Amino acid sequence: MIPPLVLASRSPRRRELLLAAGIGDVTIAPSAAEESNDASAGLAALVLSNARLKANEVAARHPRSVVLGADTLVWLEGEPLGKPENIAAAGRMLARLSGRVHEVCTGVSLLRLEPHLQIEFHETTRVRFRPLDETAIARYLAKVDVLDKAGAYALQEHGEMLVESVEGSRTNVVGLPVARTLAALRRFSEQA
């Protein structure tokens, strides 16, 4: 039995993943927390810190609910690739990812204040891109709105145009490692 959930995110992808996993009771309550972009913290610490900030901010408004805060980053050579500011920046990101392996890491913080329980974890998936020329990049950018996507791409939206292989959780690349999230949510039911 999975408890009702408050998603501290505007991400339609996370909501869709939760609904597809059978969690029908999802309330959307976007967090106003200010995210950190400090790459010196390291990938796992950075996404966990941001997920925790989001969960804490929303849980203060929903103390008896289970709140899910999550943060996903694309990481290449020690640098986070966030959401591109414009199409030109998106094209540059995709050119950097071309023919290379990068990591996608999601930090998840599940928090209920009353009675208190917090479970946190991160999941990392390795993604290999196909070699891309300017034409392939332009074709992809013409098909997919990438301005709200870390790394300027979406595996679930014509990802086959870019991605050669995925090593690890595919749902993590979309924005939420569903299997681990469901396992953690079950612990909240056990301690209701």
N, C-alpha and C. Protein backbone atom coordinates (compact mmCIF):
# COMPACT_ATOMS: atom_id res chain seq x y z
N MET A 1 0.84 -1.19 0.00
CA MET A 1 0.00 0.00 0.00
C MET A 1 0.88 1.25 0.00
N ILE A 2 0.75 2.08 -1.01
CA ILE A 2 1.53 3.30 -1.13
C ILE A 2 0.68 4.46 -0.57
N PRO A 3 1.23 5.27 0.32
CA PRO A 3 0.46 6.38 0.90
C PRO A 3 0.24 7.50 -0.11
N PRO A 4 -0.76 8.37 0.15
CA PRO A 4 -0.94 9.55 -0.70
C PRO A 4 0.35 10.38 -0.70
N LEU A 5 0.60 11.02 -1.79
CA LEU A 5 1.89 11.66 -2.01
C LEU A 5 1.73 13.10 -2.46
N VAL A 6 2.62 13.97 -1.96
CA VAL A 6 2.71 15.35 -2.43
C VAL A 6 4.02 15.46 -3.18
N LEU A 7 3.95 15.82 -4.45
CA LEU A 7 5.13 15.96 -5.30
C LEU A 7 5.58 17.42 -5.28
N ALA A 8 6.78 17.65 -4.76
CA ALA A 8 7.33 19.00 -4.63
C ALA A 8 8.00 19.42 -5.93
N SER A 9 7.22 19.39 -7.01
CA SER A 9 7.79 19.62 -8.34
C SER A 9 6.71 20.02 -9.32
N ARG A 10 7.10 20.79 -10.32
CA ARG A 10 6.20 21.11 -11.44
C ARG A 10 6.38 20.10 -12.58
N SER A 11 7.33 19.18 -12.44
CA SER A 11 7.70 18.28 -13.53
C SER A 11 6.53 17.37 -13.94
N PRO A 12 6.03 17.56 -15.16
CA PRO A 12 4.98 16.65 -15.62
C PRO A 12 5.51 15.23 -15.80
N ARG A 13 6.80 15.10 -16.08
CA ARG A 13 7.39 13.77 -16.27
C ARG A 13 7.37 12.97 -14.98
N ARG A 14 7.71 13.60 -13.86
CA ARG A 14 7.69 12.87 -12.58
C ARG A 14 6.27 12.44 -12.24
N ARG A 15 5.32 13.32 -12.43
CA ARG A 15 3.92 12.98 -12.15
C ARG A 15 3.47 11.81 -13.03
N GLU A 16 3.81 11.86 -14.33
CA GLU A 16 3.44 10.78 -15.25
C GLU A 16 4.07 9.46 -14.83
N LEU A 17 5.33 9.49 -14.40
CA LEU A 17 6.00 8.26 -13.96
C LEU A 17 5.30 7.67 -12.73
N LEU A 18 4.93 8.53 -11.78
CA LEU A 18 4.24 8.05 -10.58
C LEU A 18 2.87 7.48 -10.91
N LEU A 19 2.13 8.15 -11.77
CA LEU A 19 0.81 7.64 -12.18
C LEU A 19 0.94 6.31 -12.91
N ALA A 20 1.92 6.22 -13.80
CA ALA A 20 2.14 4.97 -14.55
C ALA A 20 2.53 3.82 -13.62
N ALA A 21 3.16 4.15 -12.49
CA ALA A 21 3.57 3.14 -11.51
C ALA A 21 2.42 2.74 -10.59
N GLY A 22 1.25 3.35 -10.78
CA GLY A 22 0.10 2.97 -10.00
C GLY A 22 -0.20 3.84 -8.79
N ILE A 23 0.52 4.94 -8.64
CA ILE A 23 0.23 5.85 -7.54
C ILE A 23 -0.78 6.86 -8.05
N GLY A 24 -2.03 6.64 -7.70
CA GLY A 24 -3.10 7.47 -8.23
C GLY A 24 -3.35 8.73 -7.44
N ASP A 25 -2.85 8.77 -6.21
CA ASP A 25 -3.12 9.92 -5.34
C ASP A 25 -1.86 10.77 -5.24
N VAL A 26 -1.65 11.65 -6.24
CA VAL A 26 -0.48 12.53 -6.28
C VAL A 26 -0.96 13.98 -6.32
N THR A 27 -0.58 14.74 -5.31
CA THR A 27 -0.88 16.18 -5.26
C THR A 27 0.37 16.94 -5.70
N ILE A 28 0.20 17.92 -6.55
CA ILE A 28 1.33 18.73 -7.02
C ILE A 28 1.41 19.98 -6.14
N ALA A 29 2.58 20.19 -5.53
CA ALA A 29 2.83 21.38 -4.71
C ALA A 29 4.27 21.83 -4.98
N PRO A 30 4.49 22.59 -6.04
CA PRO A 30 5.85 22.98 -6.40
C PRO A 30 6.58 23.68 -5.26
N SER A 31 7.84 23.37 -5.13
CA SER A 31 8.67 23.97 -4.08
C SER A 31 9.19 25.33 -4.53
N ALA A 32 9.28 26.23 -3.57
CA ALA A 32 9.87 27.55 -3.82
C ALA A 32 11.32 27.60 -3.37
N ALA A 33 11.87 26.46 -2.97
CA ALA A 33 13.25 26.42 -2.47
C ALA A 33 14.23 26.83 -3.58
N GLU A 34 15.27 27.51 -3.17
CA GLU A 34 16.32 27.96 -4.09
C GLU A 34 17.34 26.83 -4.24
N GLU A 35 17.49 26.30 -5.46
CA GLU A 35 18.41 25.19 -5.71
C GLU A 35 19.85 25.68 -5.77
N SER A 36 20.76 24.79 -5.39
CA SER A 36 22.18 25.07 -5.50
C SER A 36 22.69 24.56 -6.84
N ASN A 37 23.67 25.22 -7.39
CA ASN A 37 24.33 24.77 -8.62
C ASN A 37 25.82 24.59 -8.39
N ASP A 38 26.21 24.38 -7.13
CA ASP A 38 27.62 24.29 -6.76
C ASP A 38 28.18 22.91 -7.11
N ALA A 39 28.84 22.82 -8.26
CA ALA A 39 29.39 21.55 -8.74
C ALA A 39 30.48 21.01 -7.84
N SER A 40 31.10 21.87 -7.04
CA SER A 40 32.19 21.41 -6.17
C SER A 40 31.68 20.45 -5.09
N ALA A 41 30.38 20.46 -4.83
CA ALA A 41 29.80 19.55 -3.84
C ALA A 41 29.86 18.10 -4.32
N GLY A 42 29.94 17.90 -5.63
CA GLY A 42 29.89 16.56 -6.20
C GLY A 42 28.47 16.24 -6.62
N LEU A 43 28.36 15.34 -7.57
CA LEU A 43 27.06 15.06 -8.19
C LEU A 43 26.02 14.56 -7.19
N ALA A 44 26.32 13.48 -6.47
CA ALA A 44 25.34 12.90 -5.55
C ALA A 44 24.96 13.88 -4.45
N ALA A 45 25.94 14.55 -3.86
CA ALA A 45 25.65 15.50 -2.78
C ALA A 45 24.80 16.66 -3.29
N LEU A 46 25.06 17.12 -4.50
CA LEU A 46 24.33 18.26 -5.05
C LEU A 46 22.86 17.91 -5.28
N VAL A 47 22.58 16.76 -5.94
CA VAL A 47 21.18 16.42 -6.21
C VAL A 47 20.44 16.07 -4.92
N LEU A 48 21.11 15.43 -3.97
CA LEU A 48 20.45 15.12 -2.69
C LEU A 48 20.15 16.39 -1.91
N SER A 49 21.07 17.32 -1.90
CA SER A 49 20.84 18.59 -1.20
C SER A 49 19.65 19.33 -1.80
N ASN A 50 19.58 19.40 -3.12
CA ASN A 50 18.46 20.08 -3.77
C ASN A 50 17.14 19.37 -3.52
N ALA A 51 17.15 18.04 -3.57
CA ALA A 51 15.93 17.26 -3.30
C ALA A 51 15.45 17.51 -1.87
N ARG A 52 16.39 17.53 -0.92
CA ARG A 52 16.06 17.76 0.49
C ARG A 52 15.48 19.16 0.69
N LEU A 53 16.09 20.17 0.05
CA LEU A 53 15.57 21.54 0.16
C LEU A 53 14.12 21.61 -0.32
N LYS A 54 13.83 20.97 -1.45
CA LYS A 54 12.47 20.99 -1.99
C LYS A 54 11.49 20.28 -1.05
N ALA A 55 11.88 19.09 -0.59
CA ALA A 55 11.00 18.31 0.29
C ALA A 55 10.73 19.06 1.60
N ASN A 56 11.78 19.64 2.19
CA ASN A 56 11.61 20.35 3.46
C ASN A 56 10.68 21.54 3.32
N GLU A 57 10.83 22.30 2.22
CA GLU A 57 10.02 23.48 2.03
C GLU A 57 8.54 23.11 1.88
N VAL A 58 8.25 22.09 1.12
CA VAL A 58 6.85 21.68 0.90
C VAL A 58 6.29 20.96 2.12
N ALA A 59 7.10 20.16 2.80
CA ALA A 59 6.62 19.44 3.99
C ALA A 59 6.18 20.40 5.09
N ALA A 60 6.79 21.57 5.17
CA ALA A 60 6.37 22.56 6.17
C ALA A 60 4.92 22.97 5.95
N ARG A 61 4.46 22.89 4.68
CA ARG A 61 3.06 23.23 4.37
C ARG A 61 2.14 22.01 4.43
N HIS A 62 2.72 20.82 4.37
CA HIS A 62 1.96 19.56 4.36
C HIS A 62 2.59 18.58 5.37
N PRO A 63 2.56 18.89 6.67
CA PRO A 63 3.33 18.11 7.65
C PRO A 63 2.89 16.66 7.82
N ARG A 64 1.64 16.33 7.50
CA ARG A 64 1.18 14.95 7.70
C ARG A 64 1.21 14.13 6.41
N SER A 65 1.63 14.74 5.33
CA SER A 65 1.70 14.04 4.04
C SER A 65 3.12 13.55 3.78
N VAL A 66 3.23 12.57 2.92
CA VAL A 66 4.54 12.15 2.44
C VAL A 66 4.88 13.06 1.25
N VAL A 67 5.98 13.78 1.37
CA VAL A 67 6.40 14.73 0.34
C VAL A 67 7.60 14.15 -0.40
N LEU A 68 7.56 14.22 -1.72
CA LEU A 68 8.65 13.74 -2.55
C LEU A 68 9.34 14.95 -3.20
N GLY A 69 10.60 15.16 -2.82
CA GLY A 69 11.44 16.16 -3.47
C GLY A 69 12.46 15.42 -4.32
N ALA A 70 12.69 15.89 -5.53
CA ALA A 70 13.66 15.23 -6.40
C ALA A 70 14.41 16.27 -7.22
N ASP A 71 15.64 15.93 -7.56
CA ASP A 71 16.45 16.80 -8.42
C ASP A 71 17.27 15.90 -9.33
N THR A 72 17.21 16.20 -10.63
CA THR A 72 17.93 15.41 -11.63
C THR A 72 18.93 16.30 -12.35
N LEU A 73 20.16 15.80 -12.48
CA LEU A 73 21.18 16.53 -13.22
C LEU A 73 21.86 15.62 -14.22
N VAL A 74 22.21 16.20 -15.35
CA VAL A 74 23.09 15.55 -16.33
C VAL A 74 24.50 16.03 -16.00
N TRP A 75 25.45 15.10 -15.96
CA TRP A 75 26.80 15.40 -15.48
C TRP A 75 27.80 14.93 -16.53
N LEU A 76 28.65 15.83 -16.97
CA LEU A 76 29.68 15.51 -17.95
C LEU A 76 31.00 16.11 -17.50
N GLU A 77 31.99 15.26 -17.30
CA GLU A 77 33.33 15.68 -16.92
C GLU A 77 33.33 16.61 -15.71
N GLY A 78 32.60 16.23 -14.66
CA GLY A 78 32.59 17.00 -13.43
C GLY A 78 31.78 18.28 -13.48
N GLU A 79 30.99 18.44 -14.52
CA GLU A 79 30.19 19.66 -14.67
C GLU A 79 28.72 19.31 -14.86
N PRO A 80 27.83 19.96 -14.09
CA PRO A 80 26.41 19.72 -14.30
C PRO A 80 25.91 20.46 -15.53
N LEU A 81 25.10 19.77 -16.31
CA LEU A 81 24.45 20.41 -17.45
C LEU A 81 22.98 20.56 -17.07
N GLY A 82 22.59 21.76 -16.72
CA GLY A 82 21.23 22.01 -16.31
C GLY A 82 20.33 22.25 -17.50
N LYS A 83 19.29 23.01 -17.28
CA LYS A 83 18.35 23.34 -18.36
C LYS A 83 18.96 24.45 -19.21
N PRO A 84 18.94 24.30 -20.52
CA PRO A 84 19.54 25.34 -21.37
C PRO A 84 18.73 26.63 -21.34
N GLU A 85 19.43 27.74 -21.46
CA GLU A 85 18.75 29.04 -21.40
C GLU A 85 18.07 29.39 -22.71
N ASN A 86 18.52 28.79 -23.82
CA ASN A 86 17.91 29.05 -25.13
C ASN A 86 18.30 27.92 -26.09
N ILE A 87 17.79 27.96 -27.30
CA ILE A 87 18.04 26.89 -28.28
C ILE A 87 19.51 26.79 -28.66
N ALA A 88 20.19 27.92 -28.75
CA ALA A 88 21.62 27.89 -29.08
C ALA A 88 22.40 27.16 -27.99
N ALA A 89 22.08 27.44 -26.73
CA ALA A 89 22.74 26.75 -25.62
C ALA A 89 22.41 25.26 -25.64
N ALA A 90 21.17 24.92 -25.99
CA ALA A 90 20.77 23.51 -26.10
C ALA A 90 21.59 22.80 -27.16
N GLY A 91 21.78 23.45 -28.31
CA GLY A 91 22.59 22.86 -29.37
C GLY A 91 24.03 22.63 -28.92
N ARG A 92 24.58 23.57 -28.17
CA ARG A 92 25.96 23.41 -27.67
C ARG A 92 26.04 22.24 -26.68
N MET A 93 25.02 22.10 -25.82
CA MET A 93 25.02 20.97 -24.88
C MET A 93 24.99 19.64 -25.62
N LEU A 94 24.10 19.53 -26.60
CA LEU A 94 24.01 18.27 -27.34
C LEU A 94 25.30 17.98 -28.09
N ALA A 95 25.96 19.00 -28.62
CA ALA A 95 27.24 18.81 -29.31
C ALA A 95 28.30 18.30 -28.32
N ARG A 96 28.27 18.79 -27.09
CA ARG A 96 29.22 18.30 -26.07
C ARG A 96 28.96 16.84 -25.71
N LEU A 97 27.68 16.46 -25.69
CA LEU A 97 27.32 15.08 -25.33
C LEU A 97 27.54 14.09 -26.48
N SER A 98 27.64 14.59 -27.68
CA SER A 98 27.75 13.76 -28.88
C SER A 98 28.88 12.73 -28.78
N GLY A 99 28.52 11.45 -28.99
CA GLY A 99 29.50 10.37 -29.03
C GLY A 99 30.13 10.04 -27.69
N ARG A 100 29.58 10.56 -26.61
CA ARG A 100 30.21 10.39 -25.30
C ARG A 100 29.25 9.75 -24.30
N VAL A 101 29.85 9.30 -23.20
CA VAL A 101 29.07 8.78 -22.07
C VAL A 101 28.98 9.87 -21.01
N HIS A 102 27.77 10.07 -20.49
CA HIS A 102 27.57 10.99 -19.38
C HIS A 102 26.73 10.30 -18.32
N GLU A 103 26.63 10.93 -17.17
CA GLU A 103 25.82 10.39 -16.09
C GLU A 103 24.58 11.25 -15.88
N VAL A 104 23.49 10.58 -15.53
CA VAL A 104 22.28 11.26 -15.11
C VAL A 104 22.03 10.80 -13.68
N CYS A 105 21.95 11.77 -12.77
CA CYS A 105 21.78 11.42 -11.36
C CYS A 105 20.55 12.14 -10.81
N THR A 106 19.73 11.39 -10.10
CA THR A 106 18.57 11.95 -9.42
C THR A 106 18.71 11.72 -7.93
N GLY A 107 18.55 12.80 -7.18
CA GLY A 107 18.46 12.71 -5.73
C GLY A 107 17.00 12.72 -5.34
N VAL A 108 16.62 11.87 -4.40
CA VAL A 108 15.23 11.76 -3.96
C VAL A 108 15.20 11.92 -2.44
N SER A 109 14.33 12.80 -1.97
CA SER A 109 14.10 12.97 -0.54
C SER A 109 12.60 12.79 -0.29
N LEU A 110 12.26 11.76 0.47
CA LEU A 110 10.88 11.51 0.88
C LEU A 110 10.77 11.88 2.34
N LEU A 111 9.82 12.75 2.66
CA LEU A 111 9.74 13.30 4.01
C LEU A 111 8.29 13.40 4.48
N ARG A 112 8.06 12.90 5.68
CA ARG A 112 6.79 13.15 6.39
C ARG A 112 7.20 13.71 7.74
N LEU A 113 6.65 14.86 8.11
CA LEU A 113 7.03 15.49 9.38
C LEU A 113 6.30 14.89 10.57
N GLU A 114 5.01 14.50 10.39
CA GLU A 114 4.21 13.99 11.50
C GLU A 114 3.52 12.69 11.12
N PRO A 115 3.89 11.55 11.67
CA PRO A 115 5.08 11.28 12.45
C PRO A 115 6.32 11.31 11.54
N HIS A 116 7.42 11.75 12.10
CA HIS A 116 8.62 12.02 11.29
C HIS A 116 9.24 10.75 10.69
N LEU A 117 9.47 10.81 9.40
CA LEU A 117 10.24 9.78 8.70
C LEU A 117 10.80 10.44 7.45
N GLN A 118 12.11 10.26 7.24
CA GLN A 118 12.75 10.78 6.03
C GLN A 118 13.63 9.69 5.45
N ILE A 119 13.46 9.47 4.15
CA ILE A 119 14.27 8.50 3.43
C ILE A 119 14.87 9.22 2.22
N GLU A 120 16.18 9.10 2.06
CA GLU A 120 16.85 9.75 0.95
C GLU A 120 17.77 8.77 0.24
N PHE A 121 17.88 8.96 -1.06
CA PHE A 121 18.80 8.16 -1.86
C PHE A 121 19.07 8.89 -3.17
N HIS A 122 20.06 8.40 -3.88
CA HIS A 122 20.30 8.90 -5.23
C HIS A 122 20.53 7.72 -6.15
N GLU A 123 20.27 7.94 -7.40
CA GLU A 123 20.45 6.90 -8.42
C GLU A 123 21.20 7.52 -9.59
N THR A 124 22.20 6.79 -10.09
CA THR A 124 22.99 7.27 -11.22
C THR A 124 22.88 6.30 -12.38
N THR A 125 22.63 6.83 -13.56
CA THR A 125 22.52 6.05 -14.79
C THR A 125 23.53 6.59 -15.79
N ARG A 126 24.19 5.68 -16.50
CA ARG A 126 25.15 6.10 -17.53
C ARG A 126 24.46 6.04 -18.89
N VAL A 127 24.61 7.11 -19.65
CA VAL A 127 23.97 7.23 -20.96
C VAL A 127 25.04 7.50 -22.01
N ARG A 128 25.02 6.70 -23.07
CA ARG A 128 25.95 6.91 -24.19
C ARG A 128 25.17 7.52 -25.36
N PHE A 129 25.67 8.66 -25.84
CA PHE A 129 25.07 9.31 -27.00
C PHE A 129 25.69 8.79 -28.29
N ARG A 130 24.89 8.79 -29.33
CA ARG A 130 25.40 8.53 -30.67
C ARG A 130 26.25 9.73 -31.09
N PRO A 131 27.17 9.54 -32.04
CA PRO A 131 27.83 10.71 -32.62
C PRO A 131 26.78 11.55 -33.37
N LEU A 132 26.76 12.85 -33.11
CA LEU A 132 25.75 13.73 -33.70
C LEU A 132 26.44 14.83 -34.50
N ASP A 133 25.94 15.06 -35.70
CA ASP A 133 26.43 16.21 -36.46
C ASP A 133 25.42 17.35 -36.30
N GLU A 134 25.71 18.51 -36.89
CA GLU A 134 24.84 19.67 -36.73
C GLU A 134 23.43 19.40 -37.25
N THR A 135 23.33 18.63 -38.32
CA THR A 135 22.01 18.32 -38.90
C THR A 135 21.18 17.48 -37.93
N ALA A 136 21.80 16.46 -37.33
CA ALA A 136 21.09 15.59 -36.37
C ALA A 136 20.63 16.40 -35.16
N ILE A 137 21.48 17.29 -34.68
CA ILE A 137 21.12 18.13 -33.54
C ILE A 137 19.95 19.04 -33.90
N ALA A 138 20.02 19.68 -35.06
CA ALA A 138 18.95 20.59 -35.50
C ALA A 138 17.63 19.84 -35.66
N ARG A 139 17.67 18.61 -36.21
CA ARG A 139 16.45 17.80 -36.36
C ARG A 139 15.83 17.51 -35.01
N TYR A 140 16.67 17.14 -34.03
CA TYR A 140 16.16 16.83 -32.70
C TYR A 140 15.54 18.08 -32.06
N LEU A 141 16.23 19.19 -32.14
CA LEU A 141 15.73 20.43 -31.53
C LEU A 141 14.45 20.92 -32.19
N ALA A 142 14.24 20.56 -33.44
CA ALA A 142 13.00 20.94 -34.13
C ALA A 142 11.81 20.08 -33.66
N LYS A 143 12.09 18.88 -33.13
CA LYS A 143 11.03 17.96 -32.70
C LYS A 143 10.68 18.07 -31.22
N VAL A 144 11.64 18.47 -30.39
CA VAL A 144 11.45 18.39 -28.94
C VAL A 144 11.72 19.75 -28.29
N ASP A 145 10.82 20.16 -27.40
CA ASP A 145 11.02 21.36 -26.61
C ASP A 145 11.96 21.00 -25.46
N VAL A 146 13.20 21.46 -25.55
CA VAL A 146 14.23 21.02 -24.60
C VAL A 146 14.56 22.06 -23.53
N LEU A 147 13.92 23.20 -23.56
CA LEU A 147 14.33 24.27 -22.64
C LEU A 147 14.02 23.98 -21.18
N ASP A 148 13.15 23.00 -20.90
CA ASP A 148 12.87 22.64 -19.51
C ASP A 148 13.49 21.31 -19.13
N LYS A 149 14.53 20.89 -19.89
CA LYS A 149 15.11 19.57 -19.67
C LYS A 149 16.61 19.67 -19.40
N ALA A 150 17.04 19.07 -18.29
CA ALA A 150 18.46 19.04 -17.97
C ALA A 150 19.22 18.34 -19.10
N GLY A 151 20.32 18.94 -19.52
CA GLY A 151 21.12 18.36 -20.59
C GLY A 151 20.54 18.57 -21.96
N ALA A 152 19.41 19.25 -22.06
CA ALA A 152 18.78 19.61 -23.34
C ALA A 152 18.26 18.41 -24.13
N TYR A 153 17.86 17.34 -23.40
CA TYR A 153 17.24 16.22 -24.12
C TYR A 153 16.29 15.47 -23.20
N ALA A 154 15.43 14.67 -23.84
CA ALA A 154 14.48 13.85 -23.10
C ALA A 154 14.52 12.44 -23.70
N LEU A 155 14.88 11.48 -22.88
CA LEU A 155 14.93 10.09 -23.34
C LEU A 155 13.59 9.63 -23.89
N GLN A 156 12.50 10.09 -23.26
CA GLN A 156 11.16 9.65 -23.63
C GLN A 156 10.60 10.38 -24.84
N GLU A 157 11.28 11.40 -25.33
CA GLU A 157 10.81 12.15 -26.49
C GLU A 157 11.86 12.07 -27.60
N HIS A 158 11.69 11.10 -28.48
CA HIS A 158 12.61 10.88 -29.60
C HIS A 158 14.05 10.66 -29.15
N GLY A 159 14.21 10.09 -27.96
CA GLY A 159 15.54 9.81 -27.44
C GLY A 159 16.36 8.90 -28.34
N GLU A 160 15.67 8.08 -29.11
CA GLU A 160 16.39 7.17 -30.03
C GLU A 160 17.22 7.94 -31.06
N MET A 161 16.89 9.20 -31.29
CA MET A 161 17.66 10.02 -32.23
C MET A 161 19.04 10.36 -31.66
N LEU A 162 19.17 10.32 -30.33
CA LEU A 162 20.40 10.75 -29.67
C LEU A 162 21.13 9.64 -28.94
N VAL A 163 20.36 8.77 -28.29
CA VAL A 163 20.92 7.84 -27.32
C VAL A 163 21.24 6.49 -27.96
N GLU A 164 22.47 6.06 -27.74
CA GLU A 164 22.91 4.75 -28.23
C GLU A 164 22.62 3.67 -27.20
N SER A 165 22.88 3.96 -25.90
CA SER A 165 22.63 2.95 -24.87
C SER A 165 22.42 3.61 -23.51
N VAL A 166 21.73 2.87 -22.63
CA VAL A 166 21.46 3.30 -21.26
C VAL A 166 21.88 2.18 -20.33
N GLU A 167 22.72 2.50 -19.37
CA GLU A 167 23.19 1.52 -18.39
C GLU A 167 22.63 1.91 -17.03
N GLY A 168 21.55 1.24 -16.62
CA GLY A 168 20.90 1.56 -15.36
C GLY A 168 19.43 1.88 -15.57
N SER A 169 18.87 2.60 -14.64
CA SER A 169 17.44 2.91 -14.65
C SER A 169 17.07 3.91 -15.74
N ARG A 170 16.19 3.48 -16.65
CA ARG A 170 15.72 4.38 -17.70
C ARG A 170 14.80 5.46 -17.13
N THR A 171 13.98 5.10 -16.11
CA THR A 171 13.09 6.11 -15.54
C THR A 171 13.88 7.19 -14.80
N ASN A 172 15.06 6.84 -14.31
CA ASN A 172 15.93 7.83 -13.68
C ASN A 172 16.32 8.92 -14.69
N VAL A 173 16.58 8.52 -15.92
CA VAL A 173 16.95 9.48 -16.97
C VAL A 173 15.76 10.39 -17.28
N VAL A 174 14.56 9.86 -17.16
CA VAL A 174 13.35 10.65 -17.41
C VAL A 174 13.11 11.63 -16.25
N GLY A 175 13.58 11.29 -15.03
CA GLY A 175 13.43 12.23 -13.92
C GLY A 175 13.15 11.63 -12.56
N LEU A 176 12.95 10.29 -12.48
CA LEU A 176 12.68 9.68 -11.18
C LEU A 176 12.95 8.18 -11.25
N PRO A 177 13.85 7.67 -10.39
CA PRO A 177 14.07 6.22 -10.36
C PRO A 177 12.88 5.54 -9.68
N VAL A 178 11.96 5.06 -10.49
CA VAL A 178 10.66 4.61 -9.99
C VAL A 178 10.77 3.41 -9.06
N ALA A 179 11.55 2.40 -9.41
CA ALA A 179 11.61 1.18 -8.58
C ALA A 179 12.08 1.51 -7.16
N ARG A 180 13.14 2.28 -7.04
CA ARG A 180 13.65 2.63 -5.70
C ARG A 180 12.68 3.56 -4.97
N THR A 181 12.02 4.44 -5.70
CA THR A 181 11.05 5.34 -5.07
C THR A 181 9.88 4.56 -4.50
N LEU A 182 9.36 3.59 -5.25
CA LEU A 182 8.24 2.77 -4.75
C LEU A 182 8.66 1.97 -3.52
N ALA A 183 9.87 1.42 -3.54
CA ALA A 183 10.34 0.65 -2.38
C ALA A 183 10.42 1.55 -1.14
N ALA A 184 10.91 2.77 -1.33
CA ALA A 184 11.01 3.69 -0.20
C ALA A 184 9.61 4.11 0.29
N LEU A 185 8.69 4.33 -0.62
CA LEU A 185 7.32 4.73 -0.24
C LEU A 185 6.63 3.62 0.58
N ARG A 186 6.92 2.37 0.28
CA ARG A 186 6.32 1.27 1.05
C ARG A 186 6.72 1.34 2.52
N ARG A 187 7.90 1.86 2.78
CA ARG A 187 8.36 1.97 4.19
C ARG A 187 7.49 2.98 4.94
N PHE A 188 6.98 3.99 4.25
CA PHE A 188 6.08 4.93 4.91
C PHE A 188 4.77 4.27 5.29
N SER A 189 4.30 3.35 4.45
CA SER A 189 3.07 2.62 4.76
C SER A 189 3.27 1.72 5.98
N GLU A 190 4.45 1.12 6.08
CA GLU A 190 4.74 0.23 7.19
C GLU A 190 4.81 0.98 8.51
N GLN A 191 5.16 2.27 8.44
CA GLN A 191 5.33 3.06 9.68
C GLN A 191 4.25 4.13 9.80
N ALA A 192 3.07 3.85 9.26
CA ALA A 192 1.97 4.83 9.32
C ALA A 192 1.44 4.97 10.73
